[in-house]
Amino acid sequence: MNQKIPIPEKPALLSKERKVLTVAIVIALTNGLNSFADLATNYLYKDDYQLTPAQASGAASFIMLPWLIKPCWGLISDNYVLFGYRRKSYVIIMGLIGFISYLILGIWSKTIHSGIFLLFFTAVAFAFQNVIGEALLVESAQRFGAQPGRTEEEKQKQASENVSTFFGVRHFGMIITVYTGGLLLEYITKQQIFLIASTLPLIAGLFAFILPENKKHNAQENSTPKSLQEDEEEIRPIKEEDEITETEISANNQTLFLRLHFQ
């Protein structure tokens, strides 16, 4: 009986994976750190906009809408190429949107409507970047599972580790801001808090430049990213018995992606 011998991962592939995981972790961390602006936002409702508790709850519900439709952002990123990329371009663009929205909120916005809409756009930016970070982890687990000699248990373990890492880093960022958000408000203004927060989506956008993703020239290409297809070709054995079909990959991708979206 022939025994399959696992093929060692190539250094180039490992380097790609490290870059992908770095971008995903930065996205998770900046998402978590953004919580330190929550207290400043509450005081903005109360002191600047003079909103009642019911009105403040309504505004907060509207601003949370981008997080409630996270699967829509994933579908957009999966099916529509932006400037030749499915991941990188969206992270960069959303970084700019979040940066500009927080910047205007910190230096100019004086009316209720402008403030709420600016906060809405920051939520869009962070929710979209969050979805991209999750998608990167899905694709990383997918590449890991495509390697020869990997058992189903190893595949599930790697997928679980990716999910745990993403949410662990994100919650770590939230924990840091639980205390620092209130402490900062004792020394600086709400507007200055927003100016500091404006750097968070921008940082994630800048890190997206290191993302190893090949440029696409046709928006109607196969929904599996080209960089992913190339990596699968590098690590997939020639023997027919070791091949993983595109249908299986797509099914695994959708399952983990939906698990992440509805966390």
Protein backbone atom coordinates (compact mmCIF):
# COMPACT_ATOMS: atom_id res chain seq x y z
CA MET A 1 0.00 0.00 0.00
CA ASN A 2 1.40 3.32 -1.03
CA GLN A 3 1.61 5.83 1.78
CA LYS A 4 1.27 9.53 1.01
CA ILE A 5 4.24 11.57 2.08
CA PRO A 6 3.35 15.21 2.88
CA ILE A 7 5.19 17.65 0.67
CA PRO A 8 6.90 20.44 2.66
CA GLU A 9 5.47 23.90 2.14
CA LYS A 10 7.45 26.19 -0.09
CA PRO A 11 9.17 29.22 1.50
CA ALA A 12 7.49 31.55 -1.01
CA LEU A 13 4.08 30.20 -0.03
CA LEU A 14 4.86 30.60 3.68
CA SER A 15 5.92 34.19 3.04
CA LYS A 16 2.61 34.86 1.28
CA GLU A 17 0.67 33.35 4.14
CA ARG A 18 2.50 35.47 6.70
CA LYS A 19 1.60 38.61 4.76
CA VAL A 20 -2.04 37.56 4.49
CA LEU A 21 -2.26 36.78 8.20
CA THR A 22 -0.51 40.05 9.08
CA VAL A 23 -3.09 42.08 7.15
CA ALA A 24 -5.96 40.11 8.71
CA ILE A 25 -4.56 40.61 12.23
CA VAL A 26 -4.06 44.35 11.67
CA ILE A 27 -7.66 44.63 10.47
CA ALA A 28 -8.88 42.76 13.55
CA LEU A 29 -6.79 44.92 15.89
CA THR A 30 -7.88 48.25 14.37
CA ASN A 31 -11.50 47.09 14.53
CA GLY A 32 -11.12 46.36 18.22
CA LEU A 33 -9.26 49.57 19.01
CA ASN A 34 -12.01 51.57 17.36
CA SER A 35 -14.15 50.90 20.43
CA PHE A 36 -12.33 53.66 22.30
CA ALA A 37 -14.36 56.19 20.26
CA ASP A 38 -17.66 54.76 21.54
CA LEU A 39 -17.67 56.81 24.75
CA ALA A 40 -16.82 59.96 22.83
CA THR A 41 -19.71 59.20 20.47
CA ASN A 42 -22.12 58.85 23.41
CA TYR A 43 -21.03 62.23 24.78
CA LEU A 44 -21.38 63.68 21.30
CA TYR A 45 -25.03 62.61 21.25
CA LYS A 46 -25.65 63.95 24.73
CA ASP A 47 -23.63 67.19 24.90
CA ASP A 48 -23.37 68.41 21.32
CA TYR A 49 -26.54 67.10 19.70
CA GLN A 50 -28.76 67.19 22.82
CA LEU A 51 -30.38 63.88 21.89
CA THR A 52 -32.79 62.12 24.23
CA PRO A 53 -32.00 58.50 25.20
CA ALA A 54 -34.57 57.28 22.68
CA GLN A 55 -33.12 59.45 19.90
CA ALA A 56 -29.57 58.36 20.76
CA SER A 57 -30.65 54.70 20.56
CA GLY A 58 -32.23 55.34 17.18
CA ALA A 59 -29.05 56.98 15.90
CA ALA A 60 -26.93 54.11 17.23
CA SER A 61 -29.21 51.58 15.52
CA PHE A 62 -28.83 53.39 12.20
CA ILE A 63 -25.05 53.48 12.57
CA MET A 64 -25.00 49.73 13.34
CA LEU A 65 -26.75 48.92 10.06
CA PRO A 66 -23.49 48.27 8.09
CA TRP A 67 -22.59 45.57 10.62
CA LEU A 68 -25.97 43.90 10.24
CA ILE A 69 -25.52 43.48 6.50
CA LYS A 70 -21.96 42.13 6.61
CA PRO A 71 -22.70 39.27 4.18
CA CYS A 72 -23.55 41.88 1.54
CA TRP A 73 -20.06 43.35 1.76
CA GLY A 74 -18.62 39.87 1.36
CA LEU A 75 -20.70 39.25 -1.75
CA ILE A 76 -19.60 42.56 -3.24
CA SER A 77 -15.94 41.78 -2.62
CA ASP A 78 -16.25 38.23 -3.97
CA ASN A 79 -18.06 39.15 -7.17
CA TYR A 80 -16.84 42.62 -8.16
CA VAL A 81 -13.23 43.47 -8.90
CA LEU A 82 -12.22 47.00 -7.89
CA PHE A 83 -9.18 48.45 -9.67
CA GLY A 84 -8.06 44.94 -10.51
CA TYR A 85 -8.28 43.47 -6.98
CA ARG A 86 -10.92 41.72 -4.91
CA ARG A 87 -9.42 42.34 -1.49
CA LYS A 88 -6.64 44.90 -1.54
CA SER A 89 -8.55 47.72 -3.26
CA TYR A 90 -11.53 47.46 -0.93
CA VAL A 91 -9.38 47.59 2.21
CA ILE A 92 -7.53 50.66 0.92
CA ILE A 93 -10.67 52.48 -0.23
CA MET A 94 -12.49 51.76 3.01
CA GLY A 95 -9.45 52.93 4.93
CA LEU A 96 -9.67 56.28 3.15
CA ILE A 97 -13.43 56.50 3.73
CA GLY A 98 -13.05 55.80 7.45
CA PHE A 99 -10.13 58.22 7.74
CA ILE A 100 -11.92 61.08 5.97
CA SER A 101 -15.18 60.51 7.87
CA TYR A 102 -13.53 60.59 11.28
CA LEU A 103 -11.35 63.51 10.22
CA ILE A 104 -14.33 65.64 9.19
CA LEU A 105 -16.18 64.62 12.35
CA GLY A 106 -13.23 65.81 14.42
CA ILE A 107 -12.62 69.17 12.75
CA TRP A 108 -15.81 70.38 11.14
CA SER A 109 -19.10 68.53 11.71
CA LYS A 110 -21.49 70.58 13.84
CA THR A 111 -24.97 69.37 12.87
CA ILE A 112 -26.78 66.24 13.99
CA HIS A 113 -27.38 64.93 10.49
CA SER A 114 -23.83 65.39 9.28
CA GLY A 115 -22.42 63.78 12.42
CA ILE A 116 -24.66 60.73 12.22
CA PHE A 117 -23.97 60.20 8.53
CA LEU A 118 -20.22 60.53 9.09
CA LEU A 119 -20.42 57.93 11.87
CA PHE A 120 -22.44 55.74 9.50
CA PHE A 121 -19.67 55.89 6.90
CA THR A 122 -17.03 55.02 9.50
CA ALA A 123 -19.16 51.97 10.38
CA VAL A 124 -19.30 51.03 6.69
CA ALA A 125 -15.51 51.30 6.47
CA PHE A 126 -14.82 49.18 9.56
CA ALA A 127 -17.49 46.58 8.72
CA PHE A 128 -16.18 46.20 5.17
CA GLN A 129 -12.58 45.89 6.33
CA ASN A 130 -13.71 43.36 8.92
CA VAL A 131 -15.33 41.25 6.21
CA ILE A 132 -12.18 41.37 4.07
CA GLY A 133 -10.10 40.26 7.05
CA GLU A 134 -12.42 37.32 7.57
CA ALA A 135 -12.29 36.47 3.86
CA LEU A 136 -8.48 36.43 3.97
CA LEU A 137 -8.61 33.88 6.78
CA VAL A 138 -11.08 31.77 4.82
CA GLU A 139 -8.73 31.71 1.85
CA SER A 140 -5.76 30.96 4.09
CA ALA A 141 -7.56 27.94 5.59
CA GLN A 142 -8.57 26.93 2.09
CA ARG A 143 -4.96 26.90 0.89
CA PHE A 144 -3.91 24.95 3.96
CA GLY A 145 -6.58 22.34 3.26
CA ALA A 146 -5.43 22.03 -0.36
CA GLN A 147 -1.99 20.80 0.70
CA PRO A 148 -1.37 17.08 0.14
CA GLY A 149 -1.46 14.81 3.15
CA ARG A 150 -3.71 17.05 5.24
CA THR A 151 -6.39 15.21 7.20
CA GLU A 152 -9.89 16.57 7.76
CA GLU A 153 -9.04 17.05 11.43
CA GLU A 154 -6.02 19.19 10.55
CA LYS A 155 -8.11 21.28 8.17
CA GLN A 156 -10.76 21.93 10.80
CA LYS A 157 -8.11 22.74 13.40
CA GLN A 158 -6.43 25.27 11.13
CA ALA A 159 -9.76 26.91 10.28
CA SER A 160 -10.65 27.13 13.98
CA GLU A 161 -7.25 28.62 14.81
CA ASN A 162 -7.71 31.30 12.15
CA VAL A 163 -11.14 32.23 13.51
CA SER A 164 -9.89 32.23 17.11
CA THR A 165 -6.89 34.40 16.21
CA PHE A 166 -9.01 36.98 14.40
CA PHE A 167 -11.61 37.37 17.13
CA GLY A 168 -9.03 37.05 19.89
CA VAL A 169 -7.02 39.96 18.51
CA ARG A 170 -10.16 41.99 17.92
CA HIS A 171 -11.39 41.47 21.48
CA PHE A 172 -7.91 42.22 22.80
CA GLY A 173 -8.15 45.61 21.11
CA MET A 174 -11.58 46.15 22.67
CA ILE A 175 -10.28 45.29 26.15
CA ILE A 176 -7.47 47.83 25.80
CA THR A 177 -9.93 50.58 24.90
CA VAL A 178 -12.41 49.85 27.72
CA TYR A 179 -10.26 51.87 30.12
CA THR A 180 -8.21 54.07 27.82
CA GLY A 181 -11.29 55.52 26.08
CA GLY A 182 -12.59 57.07 29.31
CA LEU A 183 -9.10 58.05 30.46
CA LEU A 184 -8.39 59.93 27.26
CA LEU A 185 -11.64 61.86 27.53
CA GLU A 186 -10.43 63.30 30.84
CA TYR A 187 -7.51 64.98 29.09
CA ILE A 188 -8.57 65.60 25.49
CA THR A 189 -11.79 66.52 23.70
CA LYS A 190 -14.21 64.32 21.81
CA GLN A 191 -13.03 65.85 18.55
CA GLN A 192 -9.44 64.89 19.33
CA ILE A 193 -10.59 61.34 20.06
CA PHE A 194 -12.14 61.20 16.60
CA LEU A 195 -8.94 62.51 15.04
CA ILE A 196 -6.97 59.74 16.73
CA ALA A 197 -9.55 57.17 15.64
CA SER A 198 -9.21 58.35 12.04
CA THR A 199 -5.77 56.74 11.87
CA LEU A 200 -7.12 53.23 12.56
CA PRO A 201 -8.82 52.45 9.22
CA LEU A 202 -5.97 54.22 7.45
CA ILE A 203 -3.42 51.94 9.11
CA ALA A 204 -5.34 48.88 7.91
CA GLY A 205 -5.50 50.39 4.43
CA LEU A 206 -1.75 50.98 4.35
CA PHE A 207 -1.03 47.40 5.43
CA ALA A 208 -3.20 46.19 2.55
CA PHE A 209 -0.42 47.22 0.14
CA ILE A 210 1.61 44.18 1.25
CA LEU A 211 -1.26 41.83 0.45
CA PRO A 212 -0.07 39.26 -2.15
CA GLU A 213 -2.88 39.46 -4.68
CA ASN A 214 -2.45 39.34 -8.44
CA LYS A 215 -4.16 42.02 -10.48
CA LYS A 216 -7.15 40.91 -12.51
CA HIS A 217 -8.15 42.40 -15.85
CA ASN A 218 -11.59 40.88 -16.21
CA ALA A 219 -14.35 41.26 -13.62
CA GLN A 220 -16.02 38.11 -14.91
CA GLU A 221 -13.11 35.82 -14.00
CA ASN A 222 -13.61 32.77 -11.87
CA SER A 223 -14.74 33.72 -8.35
CA THR A 224 -11.73 31.94 -6.87
CA PRO A 225 -8.95 34.58 -6.57
CA LYS A 226 -6.12 34.10 -9.06
CA SER A 227 -3.48 34.21 -6.37
CA LEU A 228 -5.32 31.41 -4.59
CA GLN A 229 -5.51 29.33 -7.75
CA GLU A 230 -1.78 29.70 -8.32
CA ASP A 231 -0.98 28.68 -4.76
CA GLU A 232 -3.20 25.62 -5.13
CA GLU A 233 -1.34 24.66 -8.30
CA GLU A 234 1.97 24.97 -6.46
CA ILE A 235 1.00 22.69 -3.59
CA ARG A 236 -1.42 20.31 -5.29
CA PRO A 237 0.09 16.94 -6.34
CA ILE A 238 -0.23 15.75 -9.90
CA LYS A 239 -1.83 12.46 -8.94
CA GLU A 240 -5.55 12.38 -9.59
CA GLU A 241 -6.34 10.79 -6.22
CA ASP A 242 -4.96 13.82 -4.40
CA GLU A 243 -6.81 16.44 -6.42
CA ILE A 244 -9.31 18.74 -4.74
CA THR A 245 -12.11 19.88 -6.96
CA GLU A 246 -13.14 23.50 -7.29
CA THR A 247 -16.62 22.56 -6.03
CA GLU A 248 -15.19 21.20 -2.78
CA ILE A 249 -13.04 24.31 -2.30
CA SER A 250 -15.99 26.60 -2.95
CA ALA A 251 -18.17 24.69 -0.48
CA ASN A 252 -15.54 24.89 2.26
CA ASN A 253 -15.02 28.57 1.50
CA GLN A 254 -18.72 29.41 1.78
CA THR A 255 -19.19 27.41 4.99
CA LEU A 256 -16.36 29.10 6.89
CA PHE A 257 -17.18 32.50 5.38
CA LEU A 258 -20.79 32.34 6.63
CA ARG A 259 -19.61 31.18 10.05
CA LEU A 260 -17.41 34.25 10.30
CA HIS A 261 -20.04 36.67 9.00
CA PHE A 262 -22.63 35.70 11.57
CA GLN A 263 -20.30 35.75 14.57
